[in-house]
């Protein structure tokens, strides 16, 4: 939920800056959308450090949980390889 909240906050910042450039500054061109993207990235980076850390921690948890079976399979495969090499040396 933290990731979704963080991205919605960033999207809101971008929409506000894009609207400001479009209607107030009268930059009605593609350059206004690009400029608003860059400005929104900068503002959100500076204004939302706590949300960014919480979202990163949540995503890290997701990645760890999703890769758990891979690490378990690696350990099992390493054990199998070790068993084969041990049997080969005894023969």
C-alpha atoms as a PDB file:
ATOM      1  CA  UNK A   1       0.000   0.000   0.000  1.00  0.00           C
ATOM      2  CA  UNK A   2       2.936   2.319   0.644  1.00  0.00           C
ATOM      3  CA  UNK A   3       4.142   1.918  -2.919  1.00  0.00           C
ATOM      4  CA  UNK A   4       0.726   2.803  -4.305  1.00  0.00           C
ATOM      5  CA  UNK A   5       0.435   5.817  -2.000  1.00  0.00           C
ATOM      6  CA  UNK A   6       3.890   7.030  -2.973  1.00  0.00           C
ATOM      7  CA  UNK A   7       3.201   6.718  -6.695  1.00  0.00           C
ATOM      8  CA  UNK A   8      -0.180   8.417  -6.365  1.00  0.00           C
ATOM      9  CA  UNK A   9       1.476  11.287  -4.489  1.00  0.00           C
ATOM     10  CA  UNK A  10       4.080  11.597  -7.246  1.00  0.00           C
ATOM     11  CA  UNK A  11       1.379  11.485  -9.905  1.00  0.00           C
ATOM     12  CA  UNK A  12      -0.529  14.229  -8.077  1.00  0.00           C
ATOM     13  CA  UNK A  13       2.579  16.404  -7.916  1.00  0.00           C
ATOM     14  CA  UNK A  14       3.150  15.879 -11.632  1.00  0.00           C
ATOM     15  CA  UNK A  15      -0.466  16.745 -12.471  1.00  0.00           C
ATOM     16  CA  UNK A  16      -0.310  19.911 -10.386  1.00  0.00           C
ATOM     17  CA  UNK A  17       2.916  21.067 -12.019  1.00  0.00           C
ATOM     18  CA  UNK A  18       1.659  20.146 -15.493  1.00  0.00           C
ATOM     19  CA  UNK A  19      -1.561  22.105 -14.891  1.00  0.00           C
ATOM     20  CA  UNK A  20       0.443  25.058 -13.592  1.00  0.00           C
ATOM     21  CA  UNK A  21       2.652  25.124 -16.668  1.00  0.00           C
ATOM     22  CA  UNK A  22      -0.245  24.500 -19.066  1.00  0.00           C
ATOM     23  CA  UNK A  23      -2.787  27.045 -17.819  1.00  0.00           C
ATOM     24  CA  UNK A  24      -0.910  29.575 -15.716  1.00  0.00           C
ATOM     25  CA  UNK A  25       2.390  29.869 -17.577  1.00  0.00           C
ATOM     26  CA  UNK A  26       0.677  29.124 -20.939  1.00  0.00           C
ATOM     27  CA  UNK A  27       3.233  26.567 -22.035  1.00  0.00           C
ATOM     28  CA  UNK A  28       0.820  24.630 -24.195  1.00  0.00           C
ATOM     29  CA  UNK A  29       3.300  22.380 -25.887  1.00  0.00           C
ATOM     30  CA  UNK A  30       5.051  19.066 -25.465  1.00  0.00           C
ATOM     31  CA  UNK A  31       7.906  20.872 -23.737  1.00  0.00           C
ATOM     32  CA  UNK A  32       5.564  21.698 -20.842  1.00  0.00           C
ATOM     33  CA  UNK A  33       4.872  18.017 -20.255  1.00  0.00           C
ATOM     34  CA  UNK A  34       8.564  17.181 -20.339  1.00  0.00           C
ATOM     35  CA  UNK A  35       9.403  20.102 -18.048  1.00  0.00           C
ATOM     36  CA  UNK A  36       6.620  19.124 -15.661  1.00  0.00           C
ATOM     37  CA  UNK A  37       7.980  15.564 -15.557  1.00  0.00           C
ATOM     38  CA  UNK A  38      11.446  16.792 -14.602  1.00  0.00           C
ATOM     39  CA  UNK A  39      10.150  19.326 -12.087  1.00  0.00           C
ATOM     40  CA  UNK A  40       7.761  16.814 -10.514  1.00  0.00           C
ATOM     41  CA  UNK A  41      10.585  14.299 -10.140  1.00  0.00           C
ATOM     42  CA  UNK A  42      12.710  16.927  -8.392  1.00  0.00           C
ATOM     43  CA  UNK A  43       9.895  18.151  -6.128  1.00  0.00           C
ATOM     44  CA  UNK A  44       8.784  14.648  -5.186  1.00  0.00           C
ATOM     45  CA  UNK A  45      12.366  13.590  -4.496  1.00  0.00           C
ATOM     46  CA  UNK A  46      12.865  16.532  -2.149  1.00  0.00           C
ATOM     47  CA  UNK A  47       9.392  16.610  -0.578  1.00  0.00           C
ATOM     48  CA  UNK A  48       8.727  12.892  -0.036  1.00  0.00           C
ATOM     49  CA  UNK A  49      11.891  11.265   1.356  1.00  0.00           C
ATOM     50  CA  UNK A  50      10.051   9.345   4.084  1.00  0.00           C
ATOM     51  CA  UNK A  51       7.450   7.974   1.698  1.00  0.00           C
ATOM     52  CA  UNK A  52      10.191   6.979  -0.741  1.00  0.00           C
ATOM     53  CA  UNK A  53      12.073   5.027   1.959  1.00  0.00           C
ATOM     54  CA  UNK A  54       8.900   3.275   3.118  1.00  0.00           C
ATOM     55  CA  UNK A  55       7.934   2.353  -0.448  1.00  0.00           C
ATOM     56  CA  UNK A  56      11.451   1.070  -1.131  1.00  0.00           C
ATOM     57  CA  UNK A  57      11.331  -1.053   2.022  1.00  0.00           C
ATOM     58  CA  UNK A  58       7.977  -2.518   1.009  1.00  0.00           C
ATOM     59  CA  UNK A  59       9.209  -3.302  -2.505  1.00  0.00           C
ATOM     60  CA  UNK A  60      12.358  -4.888  -1.046  1.00  0.00           C
ATOM     61  CA  UNK A  61      10.136  -7.128   1.068  1.00  0.00           C
ATOM     62  CA  UNK A  62       8.159  -8.123  -2.013  1.00  0.00           C
ATOM     63  CA  UNK A  63      11.335  -8.969  -3.902  1.00  0.00           C
ATOM     64  CA  UNK A  64      12.774 -10.971  -1.012  1.00  0.00           C
ATOM     65  CA  UNK A  65       9.545 -12.925  -0.647  1.00  0.00           C
ATOM     66  CA  UNK A  66       9.254 -13.552  -4.396  1.00  0.00           C
ATOM     67  CA  UNK A  67      12.884 -14.732  -4.662  1.00  0.00           C
ATOM     68  CA  UNK A  68      12.704 -17.007  -1.618  1.00  0.00           C
ATOM     69  CA  UNK A  69      11.907 -20.120  -3.656  1.00  0.00           C
ATOM     70  CA  UNK A  70      14.815 -19.368  -6.001  1.00  0.00           C
ATOM     71  CA  UNK A  71      17.272 -19.313  -3.102  1.00  0.00           C
ATOM     72  CA  UNK A  72      15.778 -22.489  -1.677  1.00  0.00           C
ATOM     73  CA  UNK A  73      16.136 -24.163  -5.075  1.00  0.00           C
ATOM     74  CA  UNK A  74      19.744 -22.952  -5.302  1.00  0.00           C
ATOM     75  CA  UNK A  75      20.555 -24.491  -1.933  1.00  0.00           C
ATOM     76  CA  UNK A  76      18.934 -27.768  -2.973  1.00  0.00           C
ATOM     77  CA  UNK A  77      20.807 -27.765  -6.273  1.00  0.00           C
ATOM     78  CA  UNK A  78      24.106 -27.040  -4.518  1.00  0.00           C
ATOM     79  CA  UNK A  79      23.461 -29.942  -2.167  1.00  0.00           C
ATOM     80  CA  UNK A  80      22.789 -32.241  -5.113  1.00  0.00           C
ATOM     81  CA  UNK A  81      25.960 -31.151  -6.870  1.00  0.00           C
ATOM     82  CA  UNK A  82      27.927 -31.698  -3.682  1.00  0.00           C
ATOM     83  CA  UNK A  83      26.484 -35.194  -3.337  1.00  0.00           C
ATOM     84  CA  UNK A  84      27.457 -36.117  -6.892  1.00  0.00           C
ATOM     85  CA  UNK A  85      31.007 -34.856  -6.562  1.00  0.00           C
ATOM     86  CA  UNK A  86      31.439 -36.687  -3.243  1.00  0.00           C
ATOM     87  CA  UNK A  87      30.196 -39.963  -4.808  1.00  0.00           C
ATOM     88  CA  UNK A  88      32.498 -39.516  -7.786  1.00  0.00           C
ATOM     89  CA  UNK A  89      35.543 -39.088  -5.570  1.00  0.00           C
ATOM     90  CA  UNK A  90      34.774 -42.264  -3.614  1.00  0.00           C
ATOM     91  CA  UNK A  91      34.597 -44.412  -6.764  1.00  0.00           C
END
